[in-house]
């Protein structure tokens, strides 16, 4: 009987540890953000589908002088109905969704860069020899390549470059 209780306690500790681990994973920021994104994406997808089916497709039908919806744009070959009108509506739907996702990603990238400071550029460690155009250490006074005396850079010399 005691052996059964001990096994039960070990088993409940394993389940408790698993549940705690899962809770920690599920409440982690990235997972919650992804879940919210999926929910908003699903709702937005139905909104764009409604826009395509109820507004854009009827406008296209006005120009095509057809009755009904995009399904009326079809071709029947050997008893098989090719609904290219529905395909056209789906392509329009995809283009709208892709454009909106592009705008959202671009907006999110610009928002994430707002608070970030740009790292200052590192000070140069080399300079060009004015005589042989070789790279030499910035503190060099004599070029190791052509053995010329390298004049010291002044503000006037820097502005000429």
Protein backbone atom coordinates (compact mmCIF):
# COMPACT_ATOMS: atom_id res chain seq x y z
CA UNK A 1 0.00 0.00 0.00
CA UNK A 2 2.84 2.43 0.90
CA UNK A 3 4.55 1.61 -2.38
CA UNK A 4 1.42 2.66 -4.29
CA UNK A 5 1.27 6.01 -2.43
CA UNK A 6 4.94 6.71 -3.19
CA UNK A 7 4.42 5.99 -6.89
CA UNK A 8 1.37 8.25 -6.89
CA UNK A 9 3.36 11.10 -5.30
CA UNK A 10 6.21 10.73 -7.84
CA UNK A 11 3.71 10.71 -10.69
CA UNK A 12 1.92 13.84 -9.43
CA UNK A 13 5.29 15.63 -9.06
CA UNK A 14 6.10 14.81 -12.70
CA UNK A 15 2.69 16.11 -13.85
CA UNK A 16 3.02 19.21 -11.66
CA UNK A 17 6.48 19.90 -13.05
CA UNK A 18 5.21 19.43 -16.59
CA UNK A 19 2.27 21.78 -15.98
CA UNK A 20 4.55 24.42 -14.45
CA UNK A 21 6.93 24.12 -17.37
CA UNK A 22 4.05 24.40 -19.86
CA UNK A 23 2.60 27.41 -18.02
CA UNK A 24 6.00 29.12 -18.10
CA UNK A 25 6.28 28.43 -21.84
CA UNK A 26 2.70 29.49 -22.66
CA UNK A 27 2.91 32.74 -20.73
CA UNK A 28 6.24 33.68 -22.24
CA UNK A 29 5.94 36.92 -24.22
CA UNK A 30 6.67 35.51 -27.68
CA UNK A 31 4.01 32.79 -27.47
CA UNK A 32 1.35 35.22 -26.24
CA UNK A 33 2.24 37.71 -28.97
CA UNK A 34 2.04 34.99 -31.59
CA UNK A 35 -1.36 33.84 -30.31
CA UNK A 36 -2.72 37.38 -30.42
CA UNK A 37 -1.29 37.78 -33.93
CA UNK A 38 -2.99 34.59 -35.13
CA UNK A 39 -6.35 35.70 -33.70
CA UNK A 40 -6.11 39.18 -35.20
CA UNK A 41 -4.91 37.69 -38.51
CA UNK A 42 -7.92 35.37 -38.66
CA UNK A 43 -10.35 38.18 -37.95
CA UNK A 44 -8.63 40.45 -40.45
CA UNK A 45 -8.66 37.70 -43.08
CA UNK A 46 -12.44 37.38 -42.83
CA UNK A 47 -12.72 41.17 -43.08
CA UNK A 48 -10.65 41.26 -46.29
CA UNK A 49 -12.61 38.29 -47.70
CA UNK A 50 -15.83 40.17 -47.03
CA UNK A 51 -14.41 43.29 -48.73
CA UNK A 52 -13.45 41.23 -51.77
CA UNK A 53 -16.73 39.28 -51.98
CA UNK A 54 -19.14 42.10 -51.18
CA UNK A 55 -17.53 45.21 -52.66
CA UNK A 56 -14.71 44.52 -55.12
CA UNK A 57 -16.29 41.55 -56.92
CA UNK A 58 -19.64 43.34 -57.53
CA UNK A 59 -17.72 46.32 -58.93
CA UNK A 60 -15.87 43.96 -61.31
CA UNK A 61 -19.20 42.36 -62.24
CA UNK A 62 -20.56 45.82 -63.21
CA UNK A 63 -17.82 46.18 -65.81
CA UNK A 64 -18.28 42.62 -67.05
CA UNK A 65 -22.09 43.03 -67.27
CA UNK A 66 -22.67 39.70 -65.56
CA UNK A 67 -25.41 38.53 -63.26
CA UNK A 68 -24.53 37.19 -59.83
CA UNK A 69 -21.14 36.98 -58.20
CA UNK A 70 -17.65 36.04 -59.30
CA UNK A 71 -18.71 32.41 -59.61
CA UNK A 72 -20.54 33.38 -62.79
CA UNK A 73 -17.15 33.89 -64.41
CA UNK A 74 -16.68 30.24 -65.28
CA UNK A 75 -15.81 28.06 -68.21
CA UNK A 76 -17.22 24.55 -68.63
CA UNK A 77 -15.03 21.98 -70.39
CA UNK A 78 -16.18 18.34 -70.64
CA UNK A 79 -18.61 18.88 -67.76
CA UNK A 80 -15.93 20.38 -65.49
CA UNK A 81 -16.57 23.93 -64.31
CA UNK A 82 -13.45 26.12 -64.16
CA UNK A 83 -14.35 29.02 -61.87
CA UNK A 84 -11.74 31.55 -62.85
CA UNK A 85 -13.93 34.30 -61.39
CA UNK A 86 -13.57 32.81 -57.93
CA UNK A 87 -9.83 32.45 -58.54
CA UNK A 88 -9.64 36.12 -59.53
CA UNK A 89 -11.43 37.09 -56.30
CA UNK A 90 -8.97 34.96 -54.29
CA UNK A 91 -6.01 36.59 -56.05
CA UNK A 92 -7.36 40.05 -55.19
CA UNK A 93 -7.90 38.87 -51.62
CA UNK A 94 -4.29 37.62 -51.45
CA UNK A 95 -2.87 40.87 -52.85
CA UNK A 96 -4.77 42.93 -50.28
CA UNK A 97 -3.64 40.67 -47.42
CA UNK A 98 -0.02 40.66 -48.60
CA UNK A 99 -0.01 44.46 -48.86
CA UNK A 100 -1.49 44.86 -45.38
CA UNK A 101 1.01 42.40 -43.88
CA UNK A 102 3.83 44.30 -45.61
CA UNK A 103 2.60 47.58 -44.10
CA UNK A 104 2.25 46.02 -40.64
CA UNK A 105 5.74 44.51 -40.71
CA UNK A 106 7.23 47.77 -41.97
CA UNK A 107 5.39 49.70 -39.25
CA UNK A 108 6.48 47.27 -36.53
CA UNK A 109 10.10 47.49 -37.68
CA UNK A 110 10.03 51.27 -37.54
CA UNK A 111 8.43 51.16 -34.07
CA UNK A 112 11.10 48.82 -32.74
CA UNK A 113 13.84 51.15 -33.99
CA UNK A 114 12.39 54.30 -32.40
CA UNK A 115 13.96 53.93 -28.96
CA UNK A 116 17.23 52.42 -30.11
CA UNK A 117 20.28 54.61 -30.20
CA UNK A 118 22.57 54.25 -33.15
CA UNK A 119 25.98 53.05 -32.15
CA UNK A 120 28.66 55.62 -32.90
CA UNK A 121 31.04 54.69 -35.66
CA UNK A 122 34.38 53.41 -34.46
CA UNK A 123 37.26 55.80 -34.84
CA UNK A 124 39.43 54.93 -37.84
CA UNK A 125 42.63 53.02 -37.07
CA UNK A 126 44.32 53.61 -40.44
CA UNK A 127 44.83 56.43 -42.90
CA UNK A 128 46.12 56.69 -46.48
CA UNK A 129 49.66 57.72 -47.20
CA UNK A 130 49.35 60.87 -49.34
CA UNK A 131 52.25 59.73 -51.51
CA UNK A 132 51.74 56.02 -52.22
CA UNK A 133 48.10 55.67 -51.13
CA UNK A 134 48.88 52.66 -48.89
CA UNK A 135 46.97 52.10 -45.67
CA UNK A 136 49.14 52.98 -42.70
CA UNK A 137 48.46 53.23 -38.94
CA UNK A 138 46.74 56.47 -37.99
CA UNK A 139 49.60 57.56 -35.69
CA UNK A 140 52.33 56.89 -38.27
CA UNK A 141 54.64 59.79 -39.15
CA UNK A 142 56.64 57.84 -41.75
CA UNK A 143 55.12 55.51 -44.35
CA UNK A 144 56.53 51.96 -44.04
CA UNK A 145 55.89 51.35 -47.74
CA UNK A 146 57.44 54.36 -49.48
CA UNK A 147 59.41 55.74 -46.48
CA UNK A 148 57.97 59.23 -47.03
CA UNK A 149 57.41 61.54 -44.11
CA UNK A 150 53.64 61.69 -43.61
CA UNK A 151 52.46 65.19 -42.75
CA UNK A 152 50.30 65.53 -39.67
CA UNK A 153 46.58 65.93 -40.48
CA UNK A 154 45.18 69.30 -39.59
CA UNK A 155 41.58 70.50 -39.74
CA UNK A 156 42.45 72.36 -42.96
CA UNK A 157 43.78 69.16 -44.60
CA UNK A 158 40.68 67.21 -43.48
CA UNK A 159 38.30 69.78 -45.03
CA UNK A 160 40.11 69.54 -48.39
CA UNK A 161 39.35 65.83 -48.65
